[in-house]
Amino acid sequence: MLIYCAIGRLHFSRLCRKLFGHDFVHLRIRIRMNIAENELRLTNKRLEEISSELGYQDVANFSKAFSQLKGITPGAFRKKYGIKKAR
């Protein structure tokens, strides 16, 4: 679903920062990582599949973003919650 706004990119980013405490790029990353957290917790999808579904072309970039935001690697997160790796 596409949503069009009649405001500039910089203004939109400032509005996001004012409303949510983060600019749009960081807000988008946080939303993606929350989705990833649910996928890791509730499914047996491989990291490659999850990262691809979230728009990451490289699993390493996805893992780095997840680790920076959540403080734990995606694999360690999955082990912590008892979900076995997909084969």
PDB file of N, CA and C in Angstrom:
ATOM      1  N   MET A   1       0.833  -1.161   0.000  1.00  0.00           N
ATOM      2  CA  MET A   1       0.000   0.000   0.000  1.00  0.00           C
ATOM      3  C   MET A   1       0.887   1.237   0.000  1.00  0.00           C
ATOM      4  N   LEU A   2       0.650   2.118  -0.909  1.00  0.00           N
ATOM      5  CA  LEU A   2       1.393   3.357  -0.985  1.00  0.00           C
ATOM      6  C   LEU A   2       0.569   4.496  -0.427  1.00  0.00           C
ATOM      7  N   ILE A   3       1.235   5.340   0.325  1.00  0.00           N
ATOM      8  CA  ILE A   3       0.582   6.525   0.870  1.00  0.00           C
ATOM      9  C   ILE A   3       1.394   7.722   0.400  1.00  0.00           C
ATOM     10  N   TYR A   4       0.736   8.672  -0.187  1.00  0.00           N
ATOM     11  CA  TYR A   4       1.409   9.866  -0.674  1.00  0.00           C
ATOM     12  C   TYR A   4       1.122  11.040   0.248  1.00  0.00           C
ATOM     13  N   CYS A   5       2.159  11.788   0.549  1.00  0.00           N
ATOM     14  CA  CYS A   5       2.028  12.976   1.390  1.00  0.00           C
ATOM     15  C   CYS A   5       2.450  14.191   0.574  1.00  0.00           C
ATOM     16  N   ALA A   6       1.808  15.293   0.819  1.00  0.00           N
ATOM     17  CA  ALA A   6       2.136  16.521   0.103  1.00  0.00           C
ATOM     18  C   ALA A   6       3.111  17.369   0.909  1.00  0.00           C
ATOM     19  N   ILE A   7       4.065  16.710   1.574  1.00  0.00           N
ATOM     20  CA  ILE A   7       5.099  17.429   2.309  1.00  0.00           C
ATOM     21  C   ILE A   7       6.458  16.902   1.884  1.00  0.00           C
ATOM     22  N   GLY A   8       7.469  17.696   2.079  1.00  0.00           N
ATOM     23  CA  GLY A   8       8.813  17.314   1.694  1.00  0.00           C
ATOM     24  C   GLY A   8       9.403  16.261   2.617  1.00  0.00           C
ATOM     25  N   ARG A   9      10.436  15.610   2.131  1.00  0.00           N
ATOM     26  CA  ARG A   9      11.095  14.543   2.883  1.00  0.00           C
ATOM     27  C   ARG A   9      11.674  15.055   4.205  1.00  0.00           C
ATOM     28  N   LEU A  10      12.342  16.190   4.164  1.00  0.00           N
ATOM     29  CA  LEU A  10      12.945  16.749   5.364  1.00  0.00           C
ATOM     30  C   LEU A  10      11.875  17.121   6.392  1.00  0.00           C
ATOM     31  N   HIS A  11      10.811  17.743   5.939  1.00  0.00           N
ATOM     32  CA  HIS A  11       9.715  18.120   6.846  1.00  0.00           C
ATOM     33  C   HIS A  11       9.072  16.871   7.457  1.00  0.00           C
ATOM     34  N   PHE A  12       8.878  15.847   6.630  1.00  0.00           N
ATOM     35  CA  PHE A  12       8.294  14.596   7.119  1.00  0.00           C
ATOM     36  C   PHE A  12       9.182  13.976   8.190  1.00  0.00           C
ATOM     37  N   SER A  13      10.484  13.972   7.957  1.00  0.00           N
ATOM     38  CA  SER A  13      11.421  13.407   8.925  1.00  0.00           C
ATOM     39  C   SER A  13      11.384  14.194  10.237  1.00  0.00           C
ATOM     40  N   ARG A  14      11.281  15.521  10.143  1.00  0.00           N
ATOM     41  CA  ARG A  14      11.189  16.352  11.347  1.00  0.00           C
ATOM     42  C   ARG A  14       9.892  16.075  12.109  1.00  0.00           C
ATOM     43  N   LEU A  15       8.796  15.885  11.388  1.00  0.00           N
ATOM     44  CA  LEU A  15       7.534  15.545  12.040  1.00  0.00           C
ATOM     45  C   LEU A  15       7.629  14.212  12.779  1.00  0.00           C
ATOM     46  N   CYS A  16       8.268  13.241  12.145  1.00  0.00           N
ATOM     47  CA  CYS A  16       8.456  11.935  12.791  1.00  0.00           C
ATOM     48  C   CYS A  16       9.270  12.094  14.069  1.00  0.00           C
ATOM     49  N   ARG A  17      10.330  12.895  13.987  1.00  0.00           N
ATOM     50  CA  ARG A  17      11.176  13.107  15.167  1.00  0.00           C
ATOM     51  C   ARG A  17      10.376  13.774  16.284  1.00  0.00           C
ATOM     52  N   LYS A  18       9.567  14.746  15.920  1.00  0.00           N
ATOM     53  CA  LYS A  18       8.768  15.458  16.913  1.00  0.00           C
ATOM     54  C   LYS A  18       7.720  14.544  17.549  1.00  0.00           C
ATOM     55  N   LEU A  19       7.049  13.735  16.736  1.00  0.00           N
ATOM     56  CA  LEU A  19       5.974  12.879  17.223  1.00  0.00           C
ATOM     57  C   LEU A  19       6.458  11.602  17.906  1.00  0.00           C
ATOM     58  N   PHE A  20       7.532  10.999  17.351  1.00  0.00           N
ATOM     59  CA  PHE A  20       7.955   9.682  17.822  1.00  0.00           C
ATOM     60  C   PHE A  20       9.345   9.643  18.455  1.00  0.00           C
ATOM     61  N   GLY A  21      10.069  10.762  18.389  1.00  0.00           N
ATOM     62  CA  GLY A  21      11.401  10.803  18.986  1.00  0.00           C
ATOM     63  C   GLY A  21      12.501  10.276  18.093  1.00  0.00           C
ATOM     64  N   HIS A  22      12.174   9.899  16.857  1.00  0.00           N
ATOM     65  CA  HIS A  22      13.152   9.384  15.902  1.00  0.00           C
ATOM     66  C   HIS A  22      12.803   9.905  14.517  1.00  0.00           C
ATOM     67  N   ASP A  23      13.830  10.082  13.675  1.00  0.00           N
ATOM     68  CA  ASP A  23      13.528  10.458  12.295  1.00  0.00           C
ATOM     69  C   ASP A  23      12.950   9.246  11.567  1.00  0.00           C
ATOM     70  N   PHE A  24      12.472   9.458  10.359  1.00  0.00           N
ATOM     71  CA  PHE A  24      11.765   8.400   9.640  1.00  0.00           C
ATOM     72  C   PHE A  24      12.626   7.162   9.417  1.00  0.00           C
ATOM     73  N   VAL A  25      13.883   7.342   9.065  1.00  0.00           N
ATOM     74  CA  VAL A  25      14.752   6.192   8.796  1.00  0.00           C
ATOM     75  C   VAL A  25      14.863   5.311  10.029  1.00  0.00           C
ATOM     76  N   HIS A  26      15.104   5.900  11.185  1.00  0.00           N
ATOM     77  CA  HIS A  26      15.219   5.115  12.411  1.00  0.00           C
ATOM     78  C   HIS A  26      13.877   4.509  12.826  1.00  0.00           C
ATOM     79  N   LEU A  27      12.822   5.236  12.597  1.00  0.00           N
ATOM     80  CA  LEU A  27      11.490   4.721  12.892  1.00  0.00           C
ATOM     81  C   LEU A  27      11.187   3.489  12.036  1.00  0.00           C
ATOM     82  N   ARG A  28      11.535   3.550  10.743  1.00  0.00           N
ATOM     83  CA  ARG A  28      11.326   2.422   9.838  1.00  0.00           C
ATOM     84  C   ARG A  28      12.144   1.207  10.281  1.00  0.00           C
ATOM     85  N   ILE A  29      13.375   1.430  10.704  1.00  0.00           N
ATOM     86  CA  ILE A  29      14.221   0.329  11.177  1.00  0.00           C
ATOM     87  C   ILE A  29      13.610  -0.300  12.425  1.00  0.00           C
ATOM     88  N   ARG A  30      13.134   0.524  13.347  1.00  0.00           N
ATOM     89  CA  ARG A  30      12.522   0.001  14.574  1.00  0.00           C
ATOM     90  C   ARG A  30      11.284  -0.841  14.259  1.00  0.00           C
ATOM     91  N   ILE A  31      10.469  -0.383  13.327  1.00  0.00           N
ATOM     92  CA  ILE A  31       9.281  -1.148  12.934  1.00  0.00           C
ATOM     93  C   ILE A  31       9.691  -2.478  12.316  1.00  0.00           C
ATOM     94  N   ARG A  32      10.666  -2.449  11.413  1.00  0.00           N
ATOM     95  CA  ARG A  32      11.144  -3.686  10.786  1.00  0.00           C
ATOM     96  C   ARG A  32      11.676  -4.668  11.817  1.00  0.00           C
ATOM     97  N   MET A  33      12.449  -4.178  12.783  1.00  0.00           N
ATOM     98  CA  MET A  33      13.045  -5.073  13.778  1.00  0.00           C
ATOM     99  C   MET A  33      11.988  -5.635  14.728  1.00  0.00           C
ATOM    100  N   ASN A  34      10.927  -4.885  14.998  1.00  0.00           N
ATOM    101  CA  ASN A  34       9.827  -5.429  15.802  1.00  0.00           C
ATOM    102  C   ASN A  34       9.113  -6.549  15.056  1.00  0.00           C
ATOM    103  N   ILE A  35       8.944  -6.376  13.753  1.00  0.00           N
ATOM    104  CA  ILE A  35       8.361  -7.443  12.932  1.00  0.00           C
ATOM    105  C   ILE A  35       9.286  -8.648  12.937  1.00  0.00           C
ATOM    106  N   ALA A  36      10.594  -8.402  12.779  1.00  0.00           N
ATOM    107  CA  ALA A  36      11.577  -9.490  12.780  1.00  0.00           C
ATOM    108  C   ALA A  36      11.540 -10.249  14.103  1.00  0.00           C
ATOM    109  N   GLU A  37      11.429  -9.521  15.207  1.00  0.00           N
ATOM    110  CA  GLU A  37      11.361 -10.149  16.520  1.00  0.00           C
ATOM    111  C   GLU A  37      10.178 -11.116  16.596  1.00  0.00           C
ATOM    112  N   ASN A  38       9.028 -10.692  16.105  1.00  0.00           N
ATOM    113  CA  ASN A  38       7.850 -11.570  16.103  1.00  0.00           C
ATOM    114  C   ASN A  38       8.059 -12.776  15.204  1.00  0.00           C
ATOM    115  N   GLU A  39       8.646 -12.567  14.043  1.00  0.00           N
ATOM    116  CA  GLU A  39       8.910 -13.677  13.122  1.00  0.00           C
ATOM    117  C   GLU A  39       9.873 -14.687  13.747  1.00  0.00           C
ATOM    118  N   LEU A  40      10.910 -14.202  14.411  1.00  0.00           N
ATOM    119  CA  LEU A  40      11.880 -15.094  15.052  1.00  0.00           C
ATOM    120  C   LEU A  40      11.247 -15.856  16.208  1.00  0.00           C
ATOM    121  N   ARG A  41      10.370 -15.195  16.906  1.00  0.00           N
ATOM    122  CA  ARG A  41       9.742 -15.805  18.075  1.00  0.00           C
ATOM    123  C   ARG A  41       8.656 -16.811  17.696  1.00  0.00           C
ATOM    124  N   LEU A  42       7.927 -16.544  16.603  1.00  0.00           N
ATOM    125  CA  LEU A  42       6.724 -17.320  16.309  1.00  0.00           C
ATOM    126  C   LEU A  42       6.815 -18.261  15.116  1.00  0.00           C
ATOM    127  N   THR A  43       7.872 -18.136  14.302  1.00  0.00           N
ATOM    128  CA  THR A  43       7.974 -18.979  13.110  1.00  0.00           C
ATOM    129  C   THR A  43       9.313 -19.688  13.053  1.00  0.00           C
ATOM    130  N   ASN A  44       9.414 -20.622  12.152  1.00  0.00           N
ATOM    131  CA  ASN A  44      10.677 -21.314  11.893  1.00  0.00           C
ATOM    132  C   ASN A  44      11.321 -20.824  10.597  1.00  0.00           C
ATOM    133  N   LYS A  45      10.935 -19.637  10.141  1.00  0.00           N
ATOM    134  CA  LYS A  45      11.520 -19.087   8.913  1.00  0.00           C
ATOM    135  C   LYS A  45      13.018 -18.884   9.093  1.00  0.00           C
ATOM    136  N   ARG A  46      13.740 -19.094   8.017  1.00  0.00           N
ATOM    137  CA  ARG A  46      15.177 -18.865   8.032  1.00  0.00           C
ATOM    138  C   ARG A  46      15.454 -17.368   8.065  1.00  0.00           C
ATOM    139  N   LEU A  47      16.630 -16.994   8.583  1.00  0.00           N
ATOM    140  CA  LEU A  47      17.009 -15.584   8.649  1.00  0.00           C
ATOM    141  C   LEU A  47      16.996 -14.939   7.272  1.00  0.00           C
ATOM    142  N   GLU A  48      17.418 -15.687   6.262  1.00  0.00           N
ATOM    143  CA  GLU A  48      17.441 -15.164   4.899  1.00  0.00           C
ATOM    144  C   GLU A  48      16.035 -14.765   4.447  1.00  0.00           C
ATOM    145  N   GLU A  49      15.062 -15.593   4.790  1.00  0.00           N
ATOM    146  CA  GLU A  49      13.677 -15.329   4.398  1.00  0.00           C
ATOM    147  C   GLU A  49      13.115 -14.113   5.134  1.00  0.00           C
ATOM    148  N   ILE A  50      13.368 -14.048   6.431  1.00  0.00           N
ATOM    149  CA  ILE A  50      12.881 -12.919   7.222  1.00  0.00           C
ATOM    150  C   ILE A  50      13.509 -11.623   6.741  1.00  0.00           C
ATOM    151  N   SER A  51      14.820 -11.627   6.564  1.00  0.00           N
ATOM    152  CA  SER A  51      15.498 -10.403   6.136  1.00  0.00           C
ATOM    153  C   SER A  51      15.022  -9.959   4.760  1.00  0.00           C
ATOM    154  N   SER A  52      14.800 -10.897   3.864  1.00  0.00           N
ATOM    155  CA  SER A  52      14.316 -10.569   2.524  1.00  0.00           C
ATOM    156  C   SER A  52      12.909  -9.980   2.580  1.00  0.00           C
ATOM    157  N   GLU A  53      12.039 -10.562   3.392  1.00  0.00           N
ATOM    158  CA  GLU A  53      10.676 -10.059   3.531  1.00  0.00           C
ATOM    159  C   GLU A  53      10.637  -8.636   4.087  1.00  0.00           C
ATOM    160  N   LEU A  54      11.653  -8.286   4.867  1.00  0.00           N
ATOM    161  CA  LEU A  54      11.714  -6.958   5.472  1.00  0.00           C
ATOM    162  C   LEU A  54      12.465  -5.950   4.607  1.00  0.00           C
ATOM    163  N   GLY A  55      12.905  -6.388   3.432  1.00  0.00           N
ATOM    164  CA  GLY A  55      13.540  -5.461   2.499  1.00  0.00           C
ATOM    165  C   GLY A  55      15.047  -5.415   2.557  1.00  0.00           C
ATOM    166  N   TYR A  56      15.664  -6.308   3.297  1.00  0.00           N
ATOM    167  CA  TYR A  56      17.125  -6.366   3.363  1.00  0.00           C
ATOM    168  C   TYR A  56      17.625  -7.312   2.280  1.00  0.00           C
ATOM    169  N   GLN A  57      18.611  -6.862   1.519  1.00  0.00           N
ATOM    170  CA  GLN A  57      19.172  -7.702   0.470  1.00  0.00           C
ATOM    171  C   GLN A  57      20.288  -8.593   1.004  1.00  0.00           C
ATOM    172  N   ASP A  58      20.784  -8.265   2.170  1.00  0.00           N
ATOM    173  CA  ASP A  58      21.919  -8.984   2.749  1.00  0.00           C
ATOM    174  C   ASP A  58      21.588  -9.354   4.196  1.00  0.00           C
ATOM    175  N   VAL A  59      21.739 -10.626   4.530  1.00  0.00           N
ATOM    176  CA  VAL A  59      21.444 -11.089   5.885  1.00  0.00           C
ATOM    177  C   VAL A  59      22.382 -10.432   6.893  1.00  0.00           C
ATOM    178  N   ALA A  60      23.611 -10.161   6.489  1.00  0.00           N
ATOM    179  CA  ALA A  60      24.570  -9.528   7.401  1.00  0.00           C
ATOM    180  C   ALA A  60      24.092  -8.140   7.825  1.00  0.00           C
ATOM    181  N   ASN A  61      23.541  -7.364   6.889  1.00  0.00           N
ATOM    182  CA  ASN A  61      23.021  -6.039   7.239  1.00  0.00           C
ATOM    183  C   ASN A  61      21.811  -6.150   8.161  1.00  0.00           C
ATOM    184  N   PHE A  62      20.956  -7.114   7.886  1.00  0.00           N
ATOM    185  CA  PHE A  62      19.808  -7.354   8.749  1.00  0.00           C
ATOM    186  C   PHE A  62      20.263  -7.723  10.154  1.00  0.00           C
ATOM    187  N   SER A  63      21.205  -8.658  10.255  1.00  0.00           N
ATOM    188  CA  SER A  63      21.703  -9.105  11.561  1.00  0.00           C
ATOM    189  C   SER A  63      22.353  -7.962  12.329  1.00  0.00           C
ATOM    190  N   LYS A  64      23.095  -7.127  11.626  1.00  0.00           N
ATOM    191  CA  LYS A  64      23.752  -5.983  12.261  1.00  0.00           C
ATOM    192  C   LYS A  64      22.713  -5.004  12.807  1.00  0.00           C
ATOM    193  N   ALA A  65      21.697  -4.690  12.010  1.00  0.00           N
ATOM    194  CA  ALA A  65      20.641  -3.768  12.446  1.00  0.00           C
ATOM    195  C   ALA A  65      19.890  -4.353  13.640  1.00  0.00           C
ATOM    196  N   PHE A  66      19.568  -5.635  13.580  1.00  0.00           N
ATOM    197  CA  PHE A  66      18.852  -6.293  14.675  1.00  0.00           C
ATOM    198  C   PHE A  66      19.681  -6.249  15.948  1.00  0.00           C
ATOM    199  N   SER A  67      20.958  -6.594  15.835  1.00  0.00           N
ATOM    200  CA  SER A  67      21.852  -6.617  16.994  1.00  0.00           C
ATOM    201  C   SER A  67      22.010  -5.236  17.617  1.00  0.00           C
ATOM    202  N   GLN A  68      22.152  -4.210  16.774  1.00  0.00           N
ATOM    203  CA  GLN A  68      22.316  -2.857  17.294  1.00  0.00           C
ATOM    204  C   GLN A  68      21.073  -2.389  18.034  1.00  0.00           C
ATOM    205  N   LEU A  69      19.910  -2.722  17.538  1.00  0.00           N
ATOM    206  CA  LEU A  69      18.676  -2.248  18.151  1.00  0.00           C
ATOM    207  C   LEU A  69      18.258  -3.097  19.348  1.00  0.00           C
ATOM    208  N   LYS A  70      18.388  -4.408  19.228  1.00  0.00           N
ATOM    209  CA  LYS A  70      17.892  -5.311  20.269  1.00  0.00           C
ATOM    210  C   LYS A  70      18.964  -5.752  21.253  1.00  0.00           C
ATOM    211  N   GLY A  71      20.244  -5.537  20.918  1.00  0.00           N
ATOM    212  CA  GLY A  71      21.324  -5.916  21.816  1.00  0.00           C
ATOM    213  C   GLY A  71      21.634  -7.400  21.836  1.00  0.00           C
ATOM    214  N   ILE A  72      21.149  -8.125  20.832  1.00  0.00           N
ATOM    215  CA  ILE A  72      21.346  -9.570  20.742  1.00  0.00           C
ATOM    216  C   ILE A  72      21.236  -9.962  19.270  1.00  0.00           C
ATOM    217  N   THR A  73      21.972 -10.973  18.860  1.00  0.00           N
ATOM    218  CA  THR A  73      21.897 -11.399  17.468  1.00  0.00           C
ATOM    219  C   THR A  73      20.567 -12.103  17.215  1.00  0.00           C
ATOM    220  N   PRO A  74      20.118 -12.135  15.966  1.00  0.00           N
ATOM    221  CA  PRO A  74      18.856 -12.827  15.672  1.00  0.00           C
ATOM    222  C   PRO A  74      18.890 -14.308  16.080  1.00  0.00           C
ATOM    223  N   GLY A  75      20.021 -14.977  15.825  1.00  0.00           N
ATOM    224  CA  GLY A  75      20.133 -16.389  16.199  1.00  0.00           C
ATOM    225  C   GLY A  75      20.064 -16.599  17.703  1.00  0.00           C
ATOM    226  N   ALA A  76      20.755 -15.740  18.456  1.00  0.00           N
ATOM    227  CA  ALA A  76      20.732 -15.838  19.917  1.00  0.00           C
ATOM    228  C   ALA A  76      19.337 -15.506  20.455  1.00  0.00           C
ATOM    229  N   PHE A  77      18.669 -14.545  19.817  1.00  0.00           N
ATOM    230  CA  PHE A  77      17.304 -14.202  20.213  1.00  0.00           C
ATOM    231  C   PHE A  77      16.392 -15.408  20.051  1.00  0.00           C
ATOM    232  N   ARG A  78      16.518 -16.074  18.918  1.00  0.00           N
ATOM    233  CA  ARG A  78      15.676 -17.253  18.652  1.00  0.00           C
ATOM    234  C   ARG A  78      15.976 -18.354  19.662  1.00  0.00           C
ATOM    235  N   LYS A  79      17.256 -18.583  19.980  1.00  0.00           N
ATOM    236  CA  LYS A  79      17.612 -19.613  20.968  1.00  0.00           C
ATOM    237  C   LYS A  79      17.066 -19.260  22.356  1.00  0.00           C
ATOM    238  N   LYS A  80      17.114 -17.980  22.683  1.00  0.00           N
ATOM    239  CA  LYS A  80      16.634 -17.522  23.993  1.00  0.00           C
ATOM    240  C   LYS A  80      15.159 -17.858  24.197  1.00  0.00           C
ATOM    241  N   TYR A  81      14.395 -17.807  23.111  1.00  0.00           N
ATOM    242  CA  TYR A  81      12.956 -18.075  23.207  1.00  0.00           C
ATOM    243  C   TYR A  81      12.602 -19.512  22.835  1.00  0.00           C
ATOM    244  N   GLY A  82      13.596 -20.364  22.650  1.00  0.00           N
ATOM    245  CA  GLY A  82      13.346 -21.783  22.457  1.00  0.00           C
ATOM    246  C   GLY A  82      12.856 -22.190  21.093  1.00  0.00           C
ATOM    247  N   ILE A  83      12.983 -21.326  20.108  1.00  0.00           N
ATOM    248  CA  ILE A  83      12.575 -21.677  18.741  1.00  0.00           C
ATOM    249  C   ILE A  83      13.783 -22.309  18.059  1.00  0.00           C
ATOM    250  N   LYS A  84      13.588 -23.479  17.500  1.00  0.00           N
ATOM    251  CA  LYS A  84      14.678 -24.146  16.802  1.00  0.00           C
ATOM    252  C   LYS A  84      14.893 -23.522  15.427  1.00  0.00           C
ATOM    253  N   LYS A  85      16.130 -23.571  14.960  1.00  0.00           N
ATOM    254  CA  LYS A  85      16.449 -23.068  13.618  1.00  0.00           C
ATOM    255  C   LYS A  85      15.723 -23.874  12.568  1.00  0.00           C
ATOM    256  N   ALA A  86      15.287 -23.181  11.536  1.00  0.00           N
ATOM    257  CA  ALA A  86      14.706 -23.879  10.383  1.00  0.00           C
ATOM    258  C   ALA A  86      15.818 -24.572   9.612  1.00  0.00           C
ATOM    259  N   ARG A  87      15.517 -25.698   9.023  1.00  0.00           N
ATOM    260  CA  ARG A  87      16.543 -26.409   8.249  1.00  0.00           C
ATOM    261  C   ARG A  87      16.297 -26.274   6.792  1.00  0.00           C
TER     262      ARG A  87
END
